[in-house]
């Protein structure tokens, strides 16, 4: 999508609605949060979008490679997406790297290790 202002507005509204529906003082988890919105933009605008959100939404990317992602989707009962759909794996990883977001490799760490690492990052 090339309409930067519209994407930013839609993303901003969606994130604010999600954040405002929760009780104050309770942590919430937004699946990919700003990264979902930024993935719709060209890479230069995506980086600018992240700068707009600096400090507002701390973000940790939970990430796995394509092989593990496909095996996880294979265990679900919902219809599978095409392989092309998973191009977002690289988009999200590139966004996280460019924006210095921690990347939690769920494909190389156990569930317990992932939860421990998330807890350490949240405490910081």
PDB file of N, CA and C in Angstrom:
ATOM      1  N   UNK A   1       0.858  -1.171   0.000  1.00  0.00           N
ATOM      2  CA  UNK A   1       0.000   0.000   0.000  1.00  0.00           C
ATOM      3  C   UNK A   1       0.901   1.230   0.000  1.00  0.00           C
ATOM      4  N   UNK A   2       0.646   2.160  -0.875  1.00  0.00           N
ATOM      5  CA  UNK A   2       1.503   3.330  -0.998  1.00  0.00           C
ATOM      6  C   UNK A   2       0.923   4.583  -0.364  1.00  0.00           C
ATOM      7  N   UNK A   3      -0.283   4.546   0.153  1.00  0.00           N
ATOM      8  CA  UNK A   3      -0.889   5.704   0.788  1.00  0.00           C
ATOM      9  C   UNK A   3      -0.427   5.749   2.246  1.00  0.00           C
ATOM     10  N   UNK A   4       0.779   6.278   2.429  1.00  0.00           N
ATOM     11  CA  UNK A   4       1.440   6.293   3.732  1.00  0.00           C
ATOM     12  C   UNK A   4       0.549   6.877   4.820  1.00  0.00           C
ATOM     13  N   UNK A   5      -0.042   8.032   4.571  1.00  0.00           N
ATOM     14  CA  UNK A   5      -0.856   8.704   5.590  1.00  0.00           C
ATOM     15  C   UNK A   5      -2.068   7.866   5.989  1.00  0.00           C
ATOM     16  N   UNK A   6      -2.701   7.233   5.028  1.00  0.00           N
ATOM     17  CA  UNK A   6      -3.880   6.413   5.330  1.00  0.00           C
ATOM     18  C   UNK A   6      -3.494   5.181   6.139  1.00  0.00           C
ATOM     19  N   UNK A   7      -2.420   4.530   5.755  1.00  0.00           N
ATOM     20  CA  UNK A   7      -1.968   3.346   6.496  1.00  0.00           C
ATOM     21  C   UNK A   7      -1.607   3.722   7.921  1.00  0.00           C
ATOM     22  N   UNK A   8      -0.899   4.823   8.087  1.00  0.00           N
ATOM     23  CA  UNK A   8      -0.511   5.282   9.424  1.00  0.00           C
ATOM     24  C   UNK A   8      -1.760   5.570  10.252  1.00  0.00           C
ATOM     25  N   UNK A   9      -2.724   6.252   9.674  1.00  0.00           N
ATOM     26  CA  UNK A   9      -3.957   6.587  10.389  1.00  0.00           C
ATOM     27  C   UNK A   9      -4.717   5.332  10.806  1.00  0.00           C
ATOM     28  N   UNK A  10      -4.894   4.393   9.875  1.00  0.00           N
ATOM     29  CA  UNK A  10      -5.594   3.145  10.192  1.00  0.00           C
ATOM     30  C   UNK A  10      -4.849   2.358  11.271  1.00  0.00           C
ATOM     31  N   UNK A  11      -3.546   2.265  11.128  1.00  0.00           N
ATOM     32  CA  UNK A  11      -2.752   1.532  12.110  1.00  0.00           C
ATOM     33  C   UNK A  11      -2.792   2.184  13.471  1.00  0.00           C
ATOM     34  N   UNK A  12      -2.662   3.494  13.500  1.00  0.00           N
ATOM     35  CA  UNK A  12      -2.704   4.243  14.754  1.00  0.00           C
ATOM     36  C   UNK A  12      -4.040   4.013  15.453  1.00  0.00           C
ATOM     37  N   UNK A  13      -5.129   4.110  14.707  1.00  0.00           N
ATOM     38  CA  UNK A  13      -6.459   3.906  15.292  1.00  0.00           C
ATOM     39  C   UNK A  13      -6.624   2.488  15.829  1.00  0.00           C
ATOM     40  N   UNK A  14      -6.208   1.491  15.081  1.00  0.00           N
ATOM     41  CA  UNK A  14      -6.355   0.096  15.513  1.00  0.00           C
ATOM     42  C   UNK A  14      -5.549  -0.183  16.777  1.00  0.00           C
ATOM     43  N   UNK A  15      -4.330   0.334  16.834  1.00  0.00           N
ATOM     44  CA  UNK A  15      -3.487   0.112  18.007  1.00  0.00           C
ATOM     45  C   UNK A  15      -4.037   0.833  19.230  1.00  0.00           C
ATOM     46  N   UNK A  16      -4.560   2.025  19.044  1.00  0.00           N
ATOM     47  CA  UNK A  16      -5.132   2.760  20.175  1.00  0.00           C
ATOM     48  C   UNK A  16      -6.391   2.082  20.692  1.00  0.00           C
ATOM     49  N   UNK A  17      -7.230   1.570  19.790  1.00  0.00           N
ATOM     50  CA  UNK A  17      -8.426   0.846  20.222  1.00  0.00           C
ATOM     51  C   UNK A  17      -8.014  -0.380  21.037  1.00  0.00           C
ATOM     52  N   UNK A  18      -7.031  -1.121  20.549  1.00  0.00           N
ATOM     53  CA  UNK A  18      -6.572  -2.319  21.264  1.00  0.00           C
ATOM     54  C   UNK A  18      -6.033  -1.953  22.639  1.00  0.00           C
ATOM     55  N   UNK A  19      -5.248  -0.911  22.714  1.00  0.00           N
ATOM     56  CA  UNK A  19      -4.649  -0.507  23.990  1.00  0.00           C
ATOM     57  C   UNK A  19      -5.693   0.042  24.956  1.00  0.00           C
ATOM     58  N   UNK A  20      -6.687   0.739  24.455  1.00  0.00           N
ATOM     59  CA  UNK A  20      -7.688   1.373  25.319  1.00  0.00           C
ATOM     60  C   UNK A  20      -8.783   0.433  25.798  1.00  0.00           C
ATOM     61  N   UNK A  21      -8.824  -0.786  25.273  1.00  0.00           N
ATOM     62  CA  UNK A  21      -9.863  -1.723  25.703  1.00  0.00           C
ATOM     63  C   UNK A  21      -9.432  -2.515  26.937  1.00  0.00           C
ATOM     64  N   UNK A  22      -8.232  -2.315  27.386  1.00  0.00           N
ATOM     65  CA  UNK A  22      -7.714  -3.064  28.530  1.00  0.00           C
ATOM     66  C   UNK A  22      -7.735  -2.206  29.786  1.00  0.00           C
ATOM     67  N   UNK A  23      -7.740  -2.871  30.939  1.00  0.00           N
ATOM     68  CA  UNK A  23      -7.671  -2.166  32.217  1.00  0.00           C
ATOM     69  C   UNK A  23      -6.300  -1.535  32.391  1.00  0.00           C
ATOM     70  N   UNK A  24      -6.259  -0.397  33.023  1.00  0.00           N
ATOM     71  CA  UNK A  24      -5.002   0.282  33.279  1.00  0.00           C
ATOM     72  C   UNK A  24      -4.127  -0.580  34.180  1.00  0.00           C
ATOM     73  N   UNK A  25      -2.846  -0.619  33.881  1.00  0.00           N
ATOM     74  CA  UNK A  25      -1.910  -1.349  34.720  1.00  0.00           C
ATOM     75  C   UNK A  25      -1.754  -2.812  34.360  1.00  0.00           C
ATOM     76  N   UNK A  26      -2.502  -3.267  33.383  1.00  0.00           N
ATOM     77  CA  UNK A  26      -2.402  -4.663  32.965  1.00  0.00           C
ATOM     78  C   UNK A  26      -1.652  -4.705  31.637  1.00  0.00           C
ATOM     79  N   UNK A  27      -0.636  -5.555  31.554  1.00  0.00           N
ATOM     80  CA  UNK A  27       0.104  -5.702  30.302  1.00  0.00           C
ATOM     81  C   UNK A  27      -0.776  -6.390  29.269  1.00  0.00           C
ATOM     82  N   UNK A  28      -0.677  -5.941  28.044  1.00  0.00           N
ATOM     83  CA  UNK A  28      -1.400  -6.593  26.955  1.00  0.00           C
ATOM     84  C   UNK A  28      -0.389  -7.015  25.893  1.00  0.00           C
ATOM     85  N   UNK A  29      -0.764  -7.997  25.122  1.00  0.00           N
ATOM     86  CA  UNK A  29       0.087  -8.475  24.032  1.00  0.00           C
ATOM     87  C   UNK A  29      -0.657  -8.217  22.734  1.00  0.00           C
ATOM     88  N   UNK A  30      -0.017  -7.491  21.842  1.00  0.00           N
ATOM     89  CA  UNK A  30      -0.570  -7.217  20.515  1.00  0.00           C
ATOM     90  C   UNK A  30       0.257  -8.009  19.513  1.00  0.00           C
ATOM     91  N   UNK A  31      -0.381  -8.879  18.797  1.00  0.00           N
ATOM     92  CA  UNK A  31       0.318  -9.709  17.828  1.00  0.00           C
ATOM     93  C   UNK A  31       0.909  -8.833  16.724  1.00  0.00           C
ATOM     94  N   UNK A  32       2.188  -8.650  16.767  1.00  0.00           N
ATOM     95  CA  UNK A  32       2.985  -7.870  15.824  1.00  0.00           C
ATOM     96  C   UNK A  32       2.731  -6.370  15.882  1.00  0.00           C
ATOM     97  N   UNK A  33       1.711  -5.922  16.578  1.00  0.00           N
ATOM     98  CA  UNK A  33       1.450  -4.496  16.827  1.00  0.00           C
ATOM     99  C   UNK A  33       1.767  -3.642  15.603  1.00  0.00           C
ATOM    100  N   UNK A  34       2.699  -2.707  15.751  1.00  0.00           N
ATOM    101  CA  UNK A  34       3.024  -1.779  14.678  1.00  0.00           C
ATOM    102  C   UNK A  34       3.633  -2.482  13.466  1.00  0.00           C
ATOM    103  N   UNK A  35       4.221  -3.667  13.648  1.00  0.00           N
ATOM    104  CA  UNK A  35       4.847  -4.355  12.523  1.00  0.00           C
ATOM    105  C   UNK A  35       3.836  -4.762  11.467  1.00  0.00           C
ATOM    106  N   UNK A  36       2.622  -5.102  11.888  1.00  0.00           N
ATOM    107  CA  UNK A  36       1.585  -5.451  10.917  1.00  0.00           C
ATOM    108  C   UNK A  36       1.306  -4.265  10.010  1.00  0.00           C
ATOM    109  N   UNK A  37       1.177  -3.098  10.603  1.00  0.00           N
ATOM    110  CA  UNK A  37       0.912  -1.891   9.824  1.00  0.00           C
ATOM    111  C   UNK A  37       2.128  -1.552   8.962  1.00  0.00           C
ATOM    112  N   UNK A  38       3.294  -1.583   9.548  1.00  0.00           N
ATOM    113  CA  UNK A  38       4.507  -1.217   8.821  1.00  0.00           C
ATOM    114  C   UNK A  38       4.793  -2.176   7.665  1.00  0.00           C
ATOM    115  N   UNK A  39       4.354  -3.429   7.783  1.00  0.00           N
ATOM    116  CA  UNK A  39       4.609  -4.393   6.709  1.00  0.00           C
ATOM    117  C   UNK A  39       3.853  -4.035   5.424  1.00  0.00           C
ATOM    118  N   UNK A  40       2.857  -3.162   5.524  1.00  0.00           N
ATOM    119  CA  UNK A  40       2.091  -2.740   4.354  1.00  0.00           C
ATOM    120  C   UNK A  40       2.755  -1.591   3.605  1.00  0.00           C
ATOM    121  N   UNK A  41       3.782  -1.030   4.195  1.00  0.00           N
ATOM    122  CA  UNK A  41       4.450   0.140   3.624  1.00  0.00           C
ATOM    123  C   UNK A  41       5.761  -0.250   2.968  1.00  0.00           C
ATOM    124  N   UNK A  42       6.275   0.621   2.113  1.00  0.00           N
ATOM    125  CA  UNK A  42       7.608   0.361   1.588  1.00  0.00           C
ATOM    126  C   UNK A  42       8.597   0.506   2.750  1.00  0.00           C
ATOM    127  N   UNK A  43       9.761  -0.113   2.672  1.00  0.00           N
ATOM    128  CA  UNK A  43      10.682  -0.153   3.809  1.00  0.00           C
ATOM    129  C   UNK A  43      11.062   1.211   4.393  1.00  0.00           C
ATOM    130  N   UNK A  44      11.204   2.242   3.573  1.00  0.00           N
ATOM    131  CA  UNK A  44      11.558   3.557   4.114  1.00  0.00           C
ATOM    132  C   UNK A  44      10.431   4.145   4.959  1.00  0.00           C
ATOM    133  N   UNK A  45       9.200   4.011   4.496  1.00  0.00           N
ATOM    134  CA  UNK A  45       8.067   4.497   5.270  1.00  0.00           C
ATOM    135  C   UNK A  45       7.844   3.644   6.511  1.00  0.00           C
ATOM    136  N   UNK A  46       8.106   2.342   6.406  1.00  0.00           N
ATOM    137  CA  UNK A  46       7.944   1.457   7.562  1.00  0.00           C
ATOM    138  C   UNK A  46       8.865   1.896   8.690  1.00  0.00           C
ATOM    139  N   UNK A  47      10.077   2.279   8.352  1.00  0.00           N
ATOM    140  CA  UNK A  47      11.015   2.739   9.378  1.00  0.00           C
ATOM    141  C   UNK A  47      10.521   4.040  10.000  1.00  0.00           C
ATOM    142  N   UNK A  48       9.971   4.935   9.188  1.00  0.00           N
ATOM    143  CA  UNK A  48       9.427   6.196   9.720  1.00  0.00           C
ATOM    144  C   UNK A  48       8.238   5.912  10.633  1.00  0.00           C
ATOM    145  N   UNK A  49       7.420   4.924  10.269  1.00  0.00           N
ATOM    146  CA  UNK A  49       6.283   4.566  11.110  1.00  0.00           C
ATOM    147  C   UNK A  49       6.768   4.109  12.476  1.00  0.00           C
ATOM    148  N   UNK A  50       7.784   3.309  12.500  1.00  0.00           N
ATOM    149  CA  UNK A  50       8.332   2.824  13.775  1.00  0.00           C
ATOM    150  C   UNK A  50       8.834   3.998  14.605  1.00  0.00           C
ATOM    151  N   UNK A  51       9.459   4.954  13.988  1.00  0.00           N
ATOM    152  CA  UNK A  51       9.947   6.115  14.735  1.00  0.00           C
ATOM    153  C   UNK A  51       8.785   6.865  15.387  1.00  0.00           C
ATOM    154  N   UNK A  52       7.641   6.912  14.709  1.00  0.00           N
ATOM    155  CA  UNK A  52       6.458   7.557  15.284  1.00  0.00           C
ATOM    156  C   UNK A  52       5.987   6.853  16.551  1.00  0.00           C
ATOM    157  N   UNK A  53       6.272   5.560  16.653  1.00  0.00           N
ATOM    158  CA  UNK A  53       5.792   4.764  17.787  1.00  0.00           C
ATOM    159  C   UNK A  53       6.871   4.550  18.843  1.00  0.00           C
ATOM    160  N   UNK A  54       8.042   5.108  18.668  1.00  0.00           N
ATOM    161  CA  UNK A  54       9.153   4.919  19.605  1.00  0.00           C
ATOM    162  C   UNK A  54       8.706   5.188  21.033  1.00  0.00           C
ATOM    163  N   UNK A  55       8.893   4.234  21.884  1.00  0.00           N
ATOM    164  CA  UNK A  55       8.570   4.406  23.292  1.00  0.00           C
ATOM    165  C   UNK A  55       7.125   4.108  23.634  1.00  0.00           C
ATOM    166  N   UNK A  56       6.264   4.040  22.658  1.00  0.00           N
ATOM    167  CA  UNK A  56       4.844   3.802  22.952  1.00  0.00           C
ATOM    168  C   UNK A  56       4.529   2.323  23.036  1.00  0.00           C
ATOM    169  N   UNK A  57       5.106   1.523  22.159  1.00  0.00           N
ATOM    170  CA  UNK A  57       4.818   0.093  22.162  1.00  0.00           C
ATOM    171  C   UNK A  57       6.135  -0.672  22.103  1.00  0.00           C
ATOM    172  N   UNK A  58       6.633  -1.087  23.272  1.00  0.00           N
ATOM    173  CA  UNK A  58       7.823  -1.946  23.238  1.00  0.00           C
ATOM    174  C   UNK A  58       7.480  -3.219  22.462  1.00  0.00           C
ATOM    175  N   UNK A  59       8.364  -3.620  21.573  1.00  0.00           N
ATOM    176  CA  UNK A  59       8.053  -4.734  20.682  1.00  0.00           C
ATOM    177  C   UNK A  59       9.154  -5.782  20.708  1.00  0.00           C
ATOM    178  N   UNK A  60       8.732  -7.024  20.844  1.00  0.00           N
ATOM    179  CA  UNK A  60       9.602  -8.192  20.733  1.00  0.00           C
ATOM    180  C   UNK A  60       9.015  -9.037  19.615  1.00  0.00           C
ATOM    181  N   UNK A  61       9.817  -9.385  18.641  1.00  0.00           N
ATOM    182  CA  UNK A  61       9.337 -10.212  17.544  1.00  0.00           C
ATOM    183  C   UNK A  61       9.587 -11.678  17.874  1.00  0.00           C
ATOM    184  N   UNK A  62       8.521 -12.463  17.976  1.00  0.00           N
ATOM    185  CA  UNK A  62       8.634 -13.917  18.097  1.00  0.00           C
ATOM    186  C   UNK A  62       8.697 -14.445  16.669  1.00  0.00           C
ATOM    187  N   UNK A  63       9.785 -15.126  16.333  1.00  0.00           N
ATOM    188  CA  UNK A  63      10.041 -15.453  14.935  1.00  0.00           C
ATOM    189  C   UNK A  63      10.517 -16.889  14.798  1.00  0.00           C
ATOM    190  N   UNK A  64      10.121 -17.512  13.697  1.00  0.00           N
ATOM    191  CA  UNK A  64      10.658 -18.833  13.337  1.00  0.00           C
ATOM    192  C   UNK A  64      10.877 -18.871  11.835  1.00  0.00           C
ATOM    193  N   UNK A  65      11.736 -19.794  11.406  1.00  0.00           N
ATOM    194  CA  UNK A  65      12.014 -19.898   9.980  1.00  0.00           C
ATOM    195  C   UNK A  65      10.807 -20.503   9.247  1.00  0.00           C
ATOM    196  N   UNK A  66      10.868 -20.516   7.931  1.00  0.00           N
ATOM    197  CA  UNK A  66       9.742 -20.958   7.120  1.00  0.00           C
ATOM    198  C   UNK A  66       9.386 -22.416   7.392  1.00  0.00           C
ATOM    199  N   UNK A  67      10.388 -23.273   7.494  1.00  0.00           N
ATOM    200  CA  UNK A  67      10.126 -24.706   7.708  1.00  0.00           C
ATOM    201  C   UNK A  67       9.333 -24.938   8.997  1.00  0.00           C
ATOM    202  N   UNK A  68       9.754 -24.314  10.077  1.00  0.00           N
ATOM    203  CA  UNK A  68       9.058 -24.472  11.355  1.00  0.00           C
ATOM    204  C   UNK A  68       7.676 -23.826  11.293  1.00  0.00           C
ATOM    205  N   UNK A  69       7.592 -22.665  10.678  1.00  0.00           N
ATOM    206  CA  UNK A  69       6.296 -21.996  10.536  1.00  0.00           C
ATOM    207  C   UNK A  69       5.306 -22.888   9.801  1.00  0.00           C
ATOM    208  N   UNK A  70       5.734 -23.474   8.696  1.00  0.00           N
ATOM    209  CA  UNK A  70       4.844 -24.341   7.922  1.00  0.00           C
ATOM    210  C   UNK A  70       4.434 -25.575   8.719  1.00  0.00           C
ATOM    211  N   UNK A  71       5.366 -26.138   9.488  1.00  0.00           N
ATOM    212  CA  UNK A  71       5.006 -27.316  10.288  1.00  0.00           C
ATOM    213  C   UNK A  71       3.998 -26.950  11.369  1.00  0.00           C
ATOM    214  N   UNK A  72       4.125 -25.759  11.934  1.00  0.00           N
ATOM    215  CA  UNK A  72       3.167 -25.317  12.952  1.00  0.00           C
ATOM    216  C   UNK A  72       1.793 -25.075  12.335  1.00  0.00           C
ATOM    217  N   UNK A  73       1.773 -24.452  11.174  1.00  0.00           N
ATOM    218  CA  UNK A  73       0.496 -24.233  10.501  1.00  0.00           C
ATOM    219  C   UNK A  73      -0.140 -25.558  10.095  1.00  0.00           C
ATOM    220  N   UNK A  74       0.683 -26.540   9.741  1.00  0.00           N
ATOM    221  CA  UNK A  74       0.176 -27.848   9.345  1.00  0.00           C
ATOM    222  C   UNK A  74      -0.579 -28.548  10.464  1.00  0.00           C
ATOM    223  N   UNK A  75      -0.259 -28.212  11.707  1.00  0.00           N
ATOM    224  CA  UNK A  75      -0.925 -28.826  12.858  1.00  0.00           C
ATOM    225  C   UNK A  75      -2.264 -28.169  13.165  1.00  0.00           C
ATOM    226  N   UNK A  76      -2.573 -27.062  12.519  1.00  0.00           N
ATOM    227  CA  UNK A  76      -3.828 -26.349  12.767  1.00  0.00           C
ATOM    228  C   UNK A  76      -4.949 -26.912  11.909  1.00  0.00           C
ATOM    229  N   UNK A  77      -6.162 -26.595  12.312  1.00  0.00           N
ATOM    230  CA  UNK A  77      -7.322 -27.070  11.551  1.00  0.00           C
ATOM    231  C   UNK A  77      -7.822 -26.040  10.547  1.00  0.00           C
ATOM    232  N   UNK A  78      -7.279 -24.827  10.593  1.00  0.00           N
ATOM    233  CA  UNK A  78      -7.718 -23.790   9.659  1.00  0.00           C
ATOM    234  C   UNK A  78      -7.042 -23.984   8.303  1.00  0.00           C
ATOM    235  N   UNK A  79      -7.608 -23.417   7.247  1.00  0.00           N
ATOM    236  CA  UNK A  79      -6.998 -23.553   5.914  1.00  0.00           C
ATOM    237  C   UNK A  79      -5.591 -22.952   5.889  1.00  0.00           C
ATOM    238  N   UNK A  80      -4.711 -23.603   5.156  1.00  0.00           N
ATOM    239  CA  UNK A  80      -3.332 -23.136   5.052  1.00  0.00           C
ATOM    240  C   UNK A  80      -3.220 -21.995   4.054  1.00  0.00           C
ATOM    241  N   UNK A  81      -2.299 -21.084   4.337  1.00  0.00           N
ATOM    242  CA  UNK A  81      -1.997 -19.997   3.411  1.00  0.00           C
ATOM    243  C   UNK A  81      -0.994 -20.517   2.379  1.00  0.00           C
ATOM    244  N   UNK A  82      -0.898 -19.826   1.262  1.00  0.00           N
ATOM    245  CA  UNK A  82       0.104 -20.206   0.260  1.00  0.00           C
ATOM    246  C   UNK A  82       1.496 -19.884   0.804  1.00  0.00           C
ATOM    247  N   UNK A  83       2.476 -20.539   0.234  1.00  0.00           N
ATOM    248  CA  UNK A  83       3.866 -20.286   0.646  1.00  0.00           C
ATOM    249  C   UNK A  83       4.212 -18.816   0.444  1.00  0.00           C
ATOM    250  N   UNK A  84       3.710 -18.208  -0.623  1.00  0.00           N
ATOM    251  CA  UNK A  84       3.994 -16.803  -0.902  1.00  0.00           C
ATOM    252  C   UNK A  84       3.542 -15.896   0.236  1.00  0.00           C
ATOM    253  N   UNK A  85       2.461 -16.259   0.898  1.00  0.00           N
ATOM    254  CA  UNK A  85       1.946 -15.456   2.007  1.00  0.00           C
ATOM    255  C   UNK A  85       3.001 -15.306   3.098  1.00  0.00           C
ATOM    256  N   UNK A  86       3.844 -16.289   3.246  1.00  0.00           N
ATOM    257  CA  UNK A  86       4.836 -16.284   4.314  1.00  0.00           C
ATOM    258  C   UNK A  86       6.045 -15.381   4.017  1.00  0.00           C
ATOM    259  N   UNK A  87       5.965 -14.614   2.946  1.00  0.00           N
ATOM    260  CA  UNK A  87       7.011 -13.608   2.688  1.00  0.00           C
ATOM    261  C   UNK A  87       7.090 -12.623   3.846  1.00  0.00           C
ATOM    262  N   UNK A  88       5.997 -12.547   4.614  1.00  0.00           N
ATOM    263  CA  UNK A  88       5.986 -11.643   5.756  1.00  0.00           C
ATOM    264  C   UNK A  88       7.001 -12.043   6.817  1.00  0.00           C
ATOM    265  N   UNK A  89       7.420 -13.289   6.838  1.00  0.00           N
ATOM    266  CA  UNK A  89       8.463 -13.696   7.785  1.00  0.00           C
ATOM    267  C   UNK A  89       9.707 -12.827   7.616  1.00  0.00           C
ATOM    268  N   UNK A  90      10.130 -12.650   6.377  1.00  0.00           N
ATOM    269  CA  UNK A  90      11.323 -11.839   6.146  1.00  0.00           C
ATOM    270  C   UNK A  90      11.044 -10.358   6.355  1.00  0.00           C
ATOM    271  N   UNK A  91       9.841  -9.906   6.029  1.00  0.00           N
ATOM    272  CA  UNK A  91       9.496  -8.495   6.245  1.00  0.00           C
ATOM    273  C   UNK A  91       9.540  -8.166   7.734  1.00  0.00           C
ATOM    274  N   UNK A  92       8.912  -9.010   8.562  1.00  0.00           N
ATOM    275  CA  UNK A  92       8.907  -8.757  10.009  1.00  0.00           C
ATOM    276  C   UNK A  92      10.324  -8.818  10.577  1.00  0.00           C
ATOM    277  N   UNK A  93      11.096  -9.779  10.138  1.00  0.00           N
ATOM    278  CA  UNK A  93      12.465  -9.891  10.657  1.00  0.00           C
ATOM    279  C   UNK A  93      13.294  -8.662  10.261  1.00  0.00           C
ATOM    280  N   UNK A  94      13.168  -8.224   9.020  1.00  0.00           N
ATOM    281  CA  UNK A  94      13.903  -7.034   8.576  1.00  0.00           C
ATOM    282  C   UNK A  94      13.476  -5.796   9.365  1.00  0.00           C
ATOM    283  N   UNK A  95      12.172  -5.646   9.609  1.00  0.00           N
ATOM    284  CA  UNK A  95      11.696  -4.515  10.411  1.00  0.00           C
ATOM    285  C   UNK A  95      12.292  -4.555  11.816  1.00  0.00           C
ATOM    286  N   UNK A  96      12.264  -5.716  12.429  1.00  0.00           N
ATOM    287  CA  UNK A  96      12.812  -5.849  13.786  1.00  0.00           C
ATOM    288  C   UNK A  96      14.299  -5.515  13.807  1.00  0.00           C
ATOM    289  N   UNK A  97      15.033  -6.006  12.834  1.00  0.00           N
ATOM    290  CA  UNK A  97      16.468  -5.730  12.782  1.00  0.00           C
ATOM    291  C   UNK A  97      16.743  -4.243  12.567  1.00  0.00           C
ATOM    292  N   UNK A  98      16.041  -3.634  11.619  1.00  0.00           N
ATOM    293  CA  UNK A  98      16.246  -2.204  11.337  1.00  0.00           C
ATOM    294  C   UNK A  98      15.882  -1.329  12.517  1.00  0.00           C
ATOM    295  N   UNK A  99      14.880  -1.774  13.300  1.00  0.00           N
ATOM    296  CA  UNK A  99      14.371  -0.958  14.404  1.00  0.00           C
ATOM    297  C   UNK A  99      14.908  -1.408  15.760  1.00  0.00           C
ATOM    298  N   UNK A 100      15.861  -2.306  15.734  1.00  0.00           N
ATOM    299  CA  UNK A 100      16.529  -2.774  16.958  1.00  0.00           C
ATOM    300  C   UNK A 100      15.563  -3.377  17.978  1.00  0.00           C
ATOM    301  N   UNK A 101      14.580  -4.124  17.489  1.00  0.00           N
ATOM    302  CA  UNK A 101      13.660  -4.847  18.369  1.00  0.00           C
ATOM    303  C   UNK A 101      14.259  -6.213  18.667  1.00  0.00           C
ATOM    304  N   UNK A 102      14.144  -6.670  19.888  1.00  0.00           N
ATOM    305  CA  UNK A 102      14.614  -8.026  20.181  1.00  0.00           C
ATOM    306  C   UNK A 102      13.870  -9.044  19.321  1.00  0.00           C
ATOM    307  N   UNK A 103      14.581 -10.083  18.900  1.00  0.00           N
ATOM    308  CA  UNK A 103      13.987 -11.158  18.105  1.00  0.00           C
ATOM    309  C   UNK A 103      14.116 -12.446  18.914  1.00  0.00           C
ATOM    310  N   UNK A 104      12.975 -13.036  19.237  1.00  0.00           N
ATOM    311  CA  UNK A 104      12.944 -14.284  19.980  1.00  0.00           C
ATOM    312  C   UNK A 104      12.787 -15.420  18.980  1.00  0.00           C
ATOM    313  N   UNK A 105      13.809 -16.236  18.849  1.00  0.00           N
ATOM    314  CA  UNK A 105      13.805 -17.343  17.893  1.00  0.00           C
ATOM    315  C   UNK A 105      13.050 -18.533  18.477  1.00  0.00           C
ATOM    316  N   UNK A 106      11.768 -18.600  18.182  1.00  0.00           N
ATOM    317  CA  UNK A 106      10.947 -19.686  18.712  1.00  0.00           C
ATOM    318  C   UNK A 106      11.212 -21.005  17.995  1.00  0.00           C
ATOM    319  N   UNK A 107      12.005 -20.949  16.933  1.00  0.00           N
ATOM    320  CA  UNK A 107      12.343 -22.171  16.208  1.00  0.00           C
ATOM    321  C   UNK A 107      13.596 -22.844  16.757  1.00  0.00           C
ATOM    322  N   UNK A 108      14.341 -22.169  17.616  1.00  0.00           N
ATOM    323  CA  UNK A 108      15.567 -22.763  18.157  1.00  0.00           C
ATOM    324  C   UNK A 108      15.564 -22.859  19.679  1.00  0.00           C
ATOM    325  N   UNK A 109      14.563 -22.295  20.327  1.00  0.00           N
ATOM    326  CA  UNK A 109      14.459 -22.342  21.788  1.00  0.00           C
ATOM    327  C   UNK A 109      13.170 -23.044  22.188  1.00  0.00           C
ATOM    328  N   UNK A 110      13.220 -23.713  23.322  1.00  0.00           N
ATOM    329  CA  UNK A 110      12.019 -24.383  23.824  1.00  0.00           C
ATOM    330  C   UNK A 110      11.001 -23.351  24.288  1.00  0.00           C
ATOM    331  N   UNK A 111       9.787 -23.805  24.498  1.00  0.00           N
ATOM    332  CA  UNK A 111       8.742 -22.915  24.988  1.00  0.00           C
ATOM    333  C   UNK A 111       9.141 -22.322  26.337  1.00  0.00           C
ATOM    334  N   UNK A 112       9.708 -23.134  27.206  1.00  0.00           N
ATOM    335  CA  UNK A 112      10.147 -22.654  28.525  1.00  0.00           C
ATOM    336  C   UNK A 112      11.230 -21.594  28.382  1.00  0.00           C
ATOM    337  N   UNK A 113      12.210 -21.842  27.525  1.00  0.00           N
ATOM    338  CA  UNK A 113      13.282 -20.864  27.294  1.00  0.00           C
ATOM    339  C   UNK A 113      12.724 -19.561  26.728  1.00  0.00           C
ATOM    340  N   UNK A 114      11.766 -19.660  25.816  1.00  0.00           N
ATOM    341  CA  UNK A 114      11.149 -18.466  25.226  1.00  0.00           C
ATOM    342  C   UNK A 114      10.429 -17.649  26.298  1.00  0.00           C
ATOM    343  N   UNK A 115       9.665 -18.318  27.144  1.00  0.00           N
ATOM    344  CA  UNK A 115       8.952 -17.614  28.211  1.00  0.00           C
ATOM    345  C   UNK A 115       9.926 -16.958  29.183  1.00  0.00           C
ATOM    346  N   UNK A 116      11.008 -17.637  29.497  1.00  0.00           N
ATOM    347  CA  UNK A 116      12.014 -17.050  30.396  1.00  0.00           C
ATOM    348  C   UNK A 116      12.647 -15.818  29.768  1.00  0.00           C
ATOM    349  N   UNK A 117      12.988 -15.891  28.480  1.00  0.00           N
ATOM    350  CA  UNK A 117      13.587 -14.739  27.806  1.00  0.00           C
ATOM    351  C   UNK A 117      12.604 -13.582  27.720  1.00  0.00           C
ATOM    352  N   UNK A 118      11.358 -13.863  27.397  1.00  0.00           N
ATOM    353  CA  UNK A 118      10.344 -12.810  27.355  1.00  0.00           C
ATOM    354  C   UNK A 118      10.212 -12.137  28.716  1.00  0.00           C
ATOM    355  N   UNK A 119      10.197 -12.928  29.766  1.00  0.00           N
ATOM    356  CA  UNK A 119      10.100 -12.369  31.128  1.00  0.00           C
ATOM    357  C   UNK A 119      11.282 -11.463  31.428  1.00  0.00           C
ATOM    358  N   UNK A 120      12.486 -11.883  31.032  1.00  0.00           N
ATOM    359  CA  UNK A 120      13.675 -11.041  31.280  1.00  0.00           C
ATOM    360  C   UNK A 120      13.564  -9.717  30.530  1.00  0.00           C
ATOM    361  N   UNK A 121      13.137  -9.770  29.263  1.00  0.00           N
ATOM    362  CA  UNK A 121      13.017  -8.539  28.482  1.00  0.00           C
ATOM    363  C   UNK A 121      11.939  -7.632  29.055  1.00  0.00           C
ATOM    364  N   UNK A 122      10.827  -8.201  29.483  1.00  0.00           N
ATOM    365  CA  UNK A 122       9.734  -7.395  30.031  1.00  0.00           C
ATOM    366  C   UNK A 122      10.173  -6.708  31.330  1.00  0.00           C
ATOM    367  N   UNK A 123      10.935  -7.408  32.148  1.00  0.00           N
ATOM    368  CA  UNK A 123      11.400  -6.836  33.411  1.00  0.00           C
ATOM    369  C   UNK A 123      12.354  -5.670  33.183  1.00  0.00           C
ATOM    370  N   UNK A 124      13.061  -5.683  32.066  1.00  0.00           N
ATOM    371  CA  UNK A 124      13.998  -4.601  31.763  1.00  0.00           C
ATOM    372  C   UNK A 124      13.218  -3.367  31.386  1.00  0.00           C
TER     373      UNK A 124
END
